[in-house]
Amino acid sequence: MNQTFTKSMARNIFYGGSLFFLLLLIGLSAHTVTVLPERDNRQNLTPEVVLGKKVWEDNNCIGCHTLLGEGAYFAPELGNVYERFGRSKDAIKGFIMSRPVDGIPGRRSMPQFNLSEEELDAVAEFLKYTSEINTNNWPPNIQG
């Protein structure tokens, strides 16, 4: 290659590359918008699920747990907890209620939030809702 790399060539590569990646971004965004309704489980979004999400946020559950891969890694992934607990909302509620008030010395443990029965039902319904989202088999194993 005896030809010198000029400003004009660099500009053409920059503009050509920018245009290519802009078109790629637009194409992928359009594809996501068309596929999302099939995957996001919006038909099962109820006021109880919304309340469960609010309880989840108010108690900063994401500060310890992950949900569909997002959050902290201190405690287990909860995106598939409904499956792990045998598809039972009562088992999830029982687990949350059984947490010790003071924790166990020397061990990490979930705090007792003293949730009302309505809040427990809502959190269990929210976790059921998230487990029904089509995540393309994420997490890859049942343990989270």
N, C-alpha and C. Protein backbone atom coordinates (compact mmCIF):
# COMPACT_ATOMS: atom_id res chain seq x y z
N MET A 1 0.84 -1.17 0.00
CA MET A 1 0.00 0.00 0.00
C MET A 1 0.89 1.24 0.00
N ASN A 2 1.10 1.78 -1.13
CA ASN A 2 1.95 2.96 -1.29
C ASN A 2 1.19 4.25 -1.10
N GLN A 3 -0.14 4.15 -1.04
CA GLN A 3 -0.96 5.35 -0.94
C GLN A 3 -0.92 5.89 0.49
N THR A 4 -0.87 7.20 0.63
CA THR A 4 -0.85 7.83 1.94
C THR A 4 -2.28 7.93 2.47
N PHE A 5 -2.41 7.75 3.76
CA PHE A 5 -3.71 7.85 4.41
C PHE A 5 -4.00 9.34 4.63
N THR A 6 -5.02 9.84 3.97
CA THR A 6 -5.29 11.28 4.00
C THR A 6 -6.44 11.61 4.94
N LYS A 7 -6.60 12.90 5.21
CA LYS A 7 -7.71 13.37 6.03
C LYS A 7 -9.04 13.01 5.38
N SER A 8 -9.10 13.12 4.09
CA SER A 8 -10.31 12.82 3.35
C SER A 8 -10.69 11.35 3.52
N MET A 9 -9.71 10.45 3.47
CA MET A 9 -9.99 9.02 3.66
C MET A 9 -10.48 8.75 5.09
N ALA A 10 -9.83 9.37 6.06
CA ALA A 10 -10.22 9.19 7.46
C ALA A 10 -11.65 9.69 7.69
N ARG A 11 -11.98 10.84 7.11
CA ARG A 11 -13.33 11.40 7.24
C ARG A 11 -14.36 10.46 6.62
N ASN A 12 -14.07 9.91 5.44
CA ASN A 12 -14.99 8.99 4.79
C ASN A 12 -15.20 7.71 5.61
N ILE A 13 -14.13 7.20 6.22
CA ILE A 13 -14.25 6.02 7.09
C ILE A 13 -15.10 6.35 8.31
N PHE A 14 -14.87 7.51 8.89
CA PHE A 14 -15.64 7.94 10.06
C PHE A 14 -17.12 8.06 9.72
N TYR A 15 -17.44 8.80 8.66
CA TYR A 15 -18.84 8.98 8.29
C TYR A 15 -19.49 7.66 7.87
N GLY A 16 -18.79 6.85 7.11
CA GLY A 16 -19.33 5.56 6.69
C GLY A 16 -19.59 4.64 7.87
N GLY A 17 -18.63 4.59 8.80
CA GLY A 17 -18.81 3.77 10.00
C GLY A 17 -19.93 4.27 10.88
N SER A 18 -19.99 5.60 11.03
CA SER A 18 -21.06 6.19 11.85
C SER A 18 -22.43 5.89 11.27
N LEU A 19 -22.57 6.02 9.97
CA LEU A 19 -23.83 5.73 9.32
C LEU A 19 -24.21 4.26 9.47
N PHE A 20 -23.23 3.38 9.28
CA PHE A 20 -23.48 1.94 9.43
C PHE A 20 -24.00 1.62 10.83
N PHE A 21 -23.32 2.11 11.87
CA PHE A 21 -23.72 1.79 13.23
C PHE A 21 -25.02 2.49 13.64
N LEU A 22 -25.30 3.64 13.07
CA LEU A 22 -26.58 4.29 13.32
C LEU A 22 -27.72 3.45 12.73
N LEU A 23 -27.55 2.98 11.51
CA LEU A 23 -28.57 2.12 10.89
C LEU A 23 -28.72 0.80 11.66
N LEU A 24 -27.61 0.25 12.14
CA LEU A 24 -27.66 -0.97 12.95
C LEU A 24 -28.45 -0.73 14.23
N LEU A 25 -28.20 0.39 14.91
CA LEU A 25 -28.92 0.75 16.12
C LEU A 25 -30.42 0.88 15.85
N ILE A 26 -30.77 1.55 14.78
CA ILE A 26 -32.19 1.73 14.44
C ILE A 26 -32.83 0.38 14.14
N GLY A 27 -32.15 -0.47 13.39
CA GLY A 27 -32.68 -1.79 13.07
C GLY A 27 -32.88 -2.67 14.30
N LEU A 28 -31.89 -2.70 15.19
CA LEU A 28 -32.01 -3.50 16.41
C LEU A 28 -33.09 -2.95 17.34
N SER A 29 -33.22 -1.63 17.41
CA SER A 29 -34.26 -1.03 18.24
C SER A 29 -35.65 -1.38 17.70
N ALA A 30 -35.82 -1.32 16.39
CA ALA A 30 -37.11 -1.68 15.79
C ALA A 30 -37.43 -3.15 16.05
N HIS A 31 -36.44 -4.01 15.94
CA HIS A 31 -36.64 -5.44 16.20
C HIS A 31 -37.06 -5.66 17.66
N THR A 32 -36.40 -4.98 18.59
CA THR A 32 -36.73 -5.13 20.01
C THR A 32 -38.16 -4.69 20.28
N VAL A 33 -38.58 -3.59 19.69
CA VAL A 33 -39.94 -3.09 19.90
C VAL A 33 -40.97 -4.07 19.38
N THR A 34 -40.68 -4.76 18.29
CA THR A 34 -41.65 -5.70 17.74
C THR A 34 -41.68 -7.02 18.51
N VAL A 35 -40.57 -7.42 19.11
CA VAL A 35 -40.50 -8.71 19.82
C VAL A 35 -40.92 -8.58 21.28
N LEU A 36 -40.75 -7.42 21.87
CA LEU A 36 -41.00 -7.23 23.30
C LEU A 36 -42.39 -7.65 23.76
N PRO A 37 -43.48 -7.32 23.08
CA PRO A 37 -44.79 -7.73 23.58
C PRO A 37 -44.95 -9.25 23.73
N GLU A 38 -44.23 -10.03 22.97
CA GLU A 38 -44.32 -11.49 23.08
C GLU A 38 -43.57 -12.00 24.30
N ARG A 39 -42.65 -11.22 24.84
CA ARG A 39 -41.75 -11.72 25.87
C ARG A 39 -41.94 -11.12 27.25
N ASP A 40 -42.57 -9.96 27.37
CA ASP A 40 -42.50 -9.23 28.63
C ASP A 40 -43.61 -9.53 29.63
N ASN A 41 -44.58 -10.36 29.31
CA ASN A 41 -45.60 -10.80 30.26
C ASN A 41 -46.54 -9.67 30.70
N ARG A 42 -46.70 -8.64 29.88
CA ARG A 42 -47.49 -7.48 30.29
C ARG A 42 -48.96 -7.81 30.50
N GLN A 43 -49.47 -8.88 29.91
CA GLN A 43 -50.88 -9.24 30.08
C GLN A 43 -51.19 -9.67 31.52
N ASN A 44 -50.18 -10.03 32.30
CA ASN A 44 -50.38 -10.46 33.68
C ASN A 44 -50.06 -9.38 34.70
N LEU A 45 -49.88 -8.16 34.25
CA LEU A 45 -49.56 -7.05 35.15
C LEU A 45 -50.85 -6.60 35.84
N THR A 46 -50.92 -6.81 37.15
CA THR A 46 -52.11 -6.48 37.94
C THR A 46 -51.75 -5.45 39.00
N PRO A 47 -52.74 -4.84 39.65
CA PRO A 47 -52.44 -3.91 40.75
C PRO A 47 -51.65 -4.58 41.88
N GLU A 48 -51.90 -5.87 42.11
CA GLU A 48 -51.16 -6.60 43.15
C GLU A 48 -49.68 -6.73 42.79
N VAL A 49 -49.39 -6.97 41.51
CA VAL A 49 -48.00 -7.04 41.05
C VAL A 49 -47.34 -5.68 41.21
N VAL A 50 -48.06 -4.61 40.89
CA VAL A 50 -47.52 -3.26 41.03
C VAL A 50 -47.21 -2.96 42.50
N LEU A 51 -48.11 -3.36 43.40
CA LEU A 51 -47.86 -3.18 44.83
C LEU A 51 -46.64 -3.99 45.27
N GLY A 52 -46.51 -5.21 44.77
CA GLY A 52 -45.34 -6.04 45.09
C GLY A 52 -44.05 -5.39 44.64
N LYS A 53 -44.06 -4.78 43.48
CA LYS A 53 -42.88 -4.07 42.98
C LYS A 53 -42.56 -2.88 43.88
N LYS A 54 -43.60 -2.19 44.35
CA LYS A 54 -43.39 -1.06 45.26
C LYS A 54 -42.79 -1.53 46.58
N VAL A 55 -43.30 -2.62 47.13
CA VAL A 55 -42.74 -3.17 48.38
C VAL A 55 -41.29 -3.59 48.15
N TRP A 56 -41.02 -4.22 46.99
CA TRP A 56 -39.67 -4.62 46.62
C TRP A 56 -38.72 -3.42 46.62
N GLU A 57 -39.17 -2.32 46.02
CA GLU A 57 -38.34 -1.11 45.95
C GLU A 57 -38.22 -0.41 47.30
N ASP A 58 -39.32 -0.32 48.04
CA ASP A 58 -39.30 0.37 49.33
C ASP A 58 -38.37 -0.31 50.33
N ASN A 59 -38.26 -1.63 50.25
CA ASN A 59 -37.41 -2.38 51.17
C ASN A 59 -36.02 -2.66 50.60
N ASN A 60 -35.73 -2.09 49.43
CA ASN A 60 -34.42 -2.21 48.79
C ASN A 60 -33.97 -3.66 48.65
N CYS A 61 -34.86 -4.51 48.21
CA CYS A 61 -34.51 -5.92 48.03
C CYS A 61 -33.39 -6.09 47.01
N ILE A 62 -33.35 -5.20 46.02
CA ILE A 62 -32.33 -5.26 44.97
C ILE A 62 -30.94 -4.93 45.53
N GLY A 63 -30.89 -4.39 46.76
CA GLY A 63 -29.62 -4.12 47.41
C GLY A 63 -28.87 -5.38 47.79
N CYS A 64 -29.58 -6.50 47.91
CA CYS A 64 -28.95 -7.79 48.24
C CYS A 64 -29.18 -8.82 47.13
N HIS A 65 -30.39 -8.85 46.59
CA HIS A 65 -30.77 -9.87 45.61
C HIS A 65 -30.59 -9.36 44.18
N THR A 66 -30.50 -10.31 43.25
CA THR A 66 -30.60 -9.96 41.84
C THR A 66 -31.98 -10.38 41.36
N LEU A 67 -32.46 -9.67 40.37
CA LEU A 67 -33.73 -10.00 39.75
C LEU A 67 -33.51 -9.94 38.25
N LEU A 68 -33.57 -11.09 37.60
CA LEU A 68 -33.30 -11.22 36.17
C LEU A 68 -31.91 -10.69 35.83
N GLY A 69 -30.96 -10.95 36.71
CA GLY A 69 -29.57 -10.60 36.47
C GLY A 69 -29.17 -9.20 36.91
N GLU A 70 -30.11 -8.38 37.36
CA GLU A 70 -29.81 -7.01 37.78
C GLU A 70 -29.87 -6.91 39.30
N GLY A 71 -28.90 -6.25 39.89
CA GLY A 71 -28.90 -6.03 41.32
C GLY A 71 -27.62 -6.49 41.96
N ALA A 72 -27.66 -6.69 43.28
CA ALA A 72 -26.49 -7.09 44.04
C ALA A 72 -26.37 -8.62 44.04
N TYR A 73 -25.19 -9.10 44.35
CA TYR A 73 -24.95 -10.54 44.34
C TYR A 73 -24.69 -11.07 45.74
N PHE A 74 -25.23 -10.40 46.75
CA PHE A 74 -25.06 -10.82 48.13
C PHE A 74 -25.98 -11.99 48.46
N ALA A 75 -27.17 -11.98 47.89
CA ALA A 75 -28.19 -12.99 48.16
C ALA A 75 -28.64 -13.60 46.83
N PRO A 76 -29.44 -14.66 46.87
CA PRO A 76 -29.80 -15.38 45.63
C PRO A 76 -30.58 -14.58 44.61
N GLU A 77 -30.48 -15.01 43.36
CA GLU A 77 -31.29 -14.50 42.25
C GLU A 77 -32.74 -14.87 42.52
N LEU A 78 -33.65 -13.92 42.31
CA LEU A 78 -35.06 -14.19 42.59
C LEU A 78 -35.94 -14.21 41.35
N GLY A 79 -35.34 -14.15 40.18
CA GLY A 79 -36.13 -14.19 38.95
C GLY A 79 -36.84 -15.51 38.75
N ASN A 80 -36.32 -16.57 39.35
CA ASN A 80 -36.96 -17.88 39.20
C ASN A 80 -37.31 -18.50 40.55
N VAL A 81 -37.45 -17.67 41.57
CA VAL A 81 -37.74 -18.19 42.91
C VAL A 81 -39.10 -18.90 42.95
N TYR A 82 -40.04 -18.46 42.14
CA TYR A 82 -41.36 -19.12 42.09
C TYR A 82 -41.21 -20.56 41.63
N GLU A 83 -40.33 -20.80 40.67
CA GLU A 83 -40.06 -22.17 40.20
C GLU A 83 -39.34 -22.97 41.29
N ARG A 84 -38.36 -22.35 41.94
CA ARG A 84 -37.58 -23.05 42.97
C ARG A 84 -38.43 -23.45 44.16
N PHE A 85 -39.45 -22.67 44.47
CA PHE A 85 -40.32 -22.98 45.60
C PHE A 85 -41.54 -23.80 45.18
N GLY A 86 -41.42 -24.51 44.09
CA GLY A 86 -42.48 -25.42 43.66
C GLY A 86 -43.74 -24.74 43.19
N ARG A 87 -43.59 -23.56 42.59
CA ARG A 87 -44.72 -22.80 42.06
C ARG A 87 -45.76 -22.50 43.14
N SER A 88 -45.27 -22.17 44.34
CA SER A 88 -46.16 -21.93 45.47
C SER A 88 -45.90 -20.55 46.07
N LYS A 89 -46.90 -19.69 45.99
CA LYS A 89 -46.77 -18.37 46.60
C LYS A 89 -46.76 -18.48 48.12
N ASP A 90 -47.46 -19.47 48.67
CA ASP A 90 -47.46 -19.66 50.12
C ASP A 90 -46.08 -20.02 50.64
N ALA A 91 -45.32 -20.80 49.87
CA ALA A 91 -43.95 -21.15 50.28
C ALA A 91 -43.06 -19.91 50.30
N ILE A 92 -43.23 -19.03 49.32
CA ILE A 92 -42.45 -17.78 49.28
C ILE A 92 -42.80 -16.92 50.49
N LYS A 93 -44.09 -16.77 50.75
CA LYS A 93 -44.53 -15.97 51.89
C LYS A 93 -44.01 -16.57 53.20
N GLY A 94 -44.07 -17.88 53.33
CA GLY A 94 -43.58 -18.54 54.53
C GLY A 94 -42.09 -18.32 54.75
N PHE A 95 -41.34 -18.36 53.67
CA PHE A 95 -39.90 -18.13 53.78
C PHE A 95 -39.61 -16.70 54.25
N ILE A 96 -40.31 -15.73 53.67
CA ILE A 96 -40.09 -14.33 54.05
C ILE A 96 -40.48 -14.11 55.52
N MET A 97 -41.59 -14.69 55.95
CA MET A 97 -42.05 -14.51 57.33
C MET A 97 -41.15 -15.22 58.34
N SER A 98 -40.46 -16.27 57.94
CA SER A 98 -39.68 -17.07 58.87
C SER A 98 -38.30 -16.49 59.16
N ARG A 99 -37.97 -15.37 58.57
CA ARG A 99 -36.64 -14.79 58.79
C ARG A 99 -36.49 -14.38 60.24
N PRO A 100 -35.33 -14.66 60.85
CA PRO A 100 -35.13 -14.28 62.26
C PRO A 100 -35.07 -12.76 62.42
N VAL A 101 -35.54 -12.30 63.56
CA VAL A 101 -35.58 -10.87 63.82
C VAL A 101 -34.17 -10.30 63.93
N ASP A 102 -33.29 -10.97 64.63
CA ASP A 102 -31.94 -10.46 64.85
C ASP A 102 -30.89 -11.06 63.92
N GLY A 103 -31.28 -11.97 63.07
CA GLY A 103 -30.30 -12.62 62.20
C GLY A 103 -29.53 -13.68 62.97
N ILE A 104 -28.59 -14.28 62.31
CA ILE A 104 -27.77 -15.32 62.91
C ILE A 104 -26.35 -14.77 62.97
N PRO A 105 -25.77 -14.69 64.17
CA PRO A 105 -24.42 -14.13 64.28
C PRO A 105 -23.42 -14.89 63.41
N GLY A 106 -22.59 -14.13 62.69
CA GLY A 106 -21.56 -14.74 61.85
C GLY A 106 -22.04 -15.21 60.49
N ARG A 107 -23.32 -15.10 60.22
CA ARG A 107 -23.86 -15.52 58.92
C ARG A 107 -24.64 -14.38 58.30
N ARG A 108 -24.60 -14.33 57.00
CA ARG A 108 -25.46 -13.36 56.33
C ARG A 108 -26.86 -13.94 56.26
N SER A 109 -27.82 -13.14 56.58
CA SER A 109 -29.20 -13.62 56.53
C SER A 109 -30.12 -12.45 56.19
N MET A 110 -31.25 -12.80 55.66
CA MET A 110 -32.23 -11.79 55.25
C MET A 110 -32.88 -11.19 56.49
N PRO A 111 -32.99 -9.88 56.56
CA PRO A 111 -33.64 -9.26 57.72
C PRO A 111 -35.14 -9.51 57.72
N GLN A 112 -35.74 -9.36 58.87
CA GLN A 112 -37.18 -9.47 59.02
C GLN A 112 -37.77 -8.09 58.73
N PHE A 113 -38.62 -7.99 57.72
CA PHE A 113 -39.19 -6.71 57.33
C PHE A 113 -40.56 -6.44 57.96
N ASN A 114 -41.13 -7.43 58.63
CA ASN A 114 -42.44 -7.29 59.27
C ASN A 114 -43.48 -6.77 58.28
N LEU A 115 -43.60 -7.45 57.15
CA LEU A 115 -44.56 -7.05 56.12
C LEU A 115 -45.96 -7.49 56.52
N SER A 116 -46.95 -6.72 56.10
CA SER A 116 -48.34 -7.09 56.34
C SER A 116 -48.71 -8.26 55.41
N GLU A 117 -49.84 -8.86 55.68
CA GLU A 117 -50.30 -9.98 54.85
C GLU A 117 -50.52 -9.52 53.41
N GLU A 118 -51.06 -8.32 53.24
CA GLU A 118 -51.29 -7.77 51.90
C GLU A 118 -49.95 -7.57 51.17
N GLU A 119 -48.95 -7.06 51.88
CA GLU A 119 -47.63 -6.85 51.27
C GLU A 119 -46.96 -8.17 50.92
N LEU A 120 -47.11 -9.17 51.80
CA LEU A 120 -46.54 -10.49 51.51
C LEU A 120 -47.19 -11.10 50.26
N ASP A 121 -48.52 -11.00 50.17
CA ASP A 121 -49.22 -11.49 48.98
C ASP A 121 -48.72 -10.77 47.73
N ALA A 122 -48.54 -9.46 47.84
CA ALA A 122 -48.11 -8.67 46.69
C ALA A 122 -46.70 -9.03 46.26
N VAL A 123 -45.78 -9.20 47.21
CA VAL A 123 -44.41 -9.58 46.87
C VAL A 123 -44.39 -10.96 46.21
N ALA A 124 -45.15 -11.89 46.76
CA ALA A 124 -45.22 -13.24 46.16
C ALA A 124 -45.79 -13.16 44.75
N GLU A 125 -46.80 -12.34 44.55
CA GLU A 125 -47.38 -12.18 43.21
C GLU A 125 -46.38 -11.51 42.26
N PHE A 126 -45.63 -10.55 42.74
CA PHE A 126 -44.60 -9.90 41.93
C PHE A 126 -43.51 -10.91 41.52
N LEU A 127 -43.08 -11.75 42.44
CA LEU A 127 -42.06 -12.75 42.12
C LEU A 127 -42.61 -13.81 41.16
N LYS A 128 -43.90 -14.13 41.30
CA LYS A 128 -44.53 -15.04 40.34
C LYS A 128 -44.55 -14.40 38.95
N TYR A 129 -44.92 -13.13 38.91
CA TYR A 129 -44.96 -12.39 37.63
C TYR A 129 -43.58 -12.39 36.96
N THR A 130 -42.53 -12.09 37.72
CA THR A 130 -41.20 -12.02 37.12
C THR A 130 -40.73 -13.39 36.64
N SER A 131 -41.16 -14.45 37.31
CA SER A 131 -40.74 -15.78 36.88
C SER A 131 -41.40 -16.19 35.56
N GLU A 132 -42.49 -15.53 35.20
CA GLU A 132 -43.20 -15.86 33.97
C GLU A 132 -42.76 -15.03 32.77
N ILE A 133 -41.82 -14.11 32.97
CA ILE A 133 -41.27 -13.33 31.86
C ILE A 133 -40.37 -14.23 31.04
N ASN A 134 -40.49 -14.18 29.73
CA ASN A 134 -39.64 -14.98 28.86
C ASN A 134 -38.25 -14.36 28.82
N THR A 135 -37.33 -14.96 29.57
CA THR A 135 -35.97 -14.42 29.68
C THR A 135 -34.98 -15.21 28.84
N ASN A 136 -35.49 -16.00 27.92
CA ASN A 136 -34.60 -16.80 27.07
C ASN A 136 -33.74 -17.73 27.92
N ASN A 137 -34.39 -18.37 28.91
CA ASN A 137 -33.77 -19.33 29.83
C ASN A 137 -32.70 -18.72 30.73
N TRP A 138 -32.88 -17.49 31.18
CA TRP A 138 -32.00 -16.91 32.16
C TRP A 138 -32.71 -16.87 33.50
N PRO A 139 -32.13 -17.21 34.59
CA PRO A 139 -30.78 -17.73 34.75
C PRO A 139 -30.67 -19.15 34.22
N PRO A 140 -29.46 -19.56 33.88
CA PRO A 140 -29.27 -20.83 33.20
C PRO A 140 -29.54 -22.06 34.06
N ASN A 141 -29.63 -21.90 35.36
CA ASN A 141 -29.96 -23.05 36.21
C ASN A 141 -31.02 -22.66 37.21
N ILE A 142 -31.65 -23.66 37.80
CA ILE A 142 -32.78 -23.41 38.69
C ILE A 142 -32.35 -22.73 40.00
N GLN A 143 -31.07 -22.90 40.39
CA GLN A 143 -30.60 -22.30 41.63
C GLN A 143 -30.44 -20.80 41.53
N GLY A 144 -30.45 -20.28 40.32
CA GLY A 144 -30.31 -18.84 40.13
C GLY A 144 -28.93 -18.50 39.92
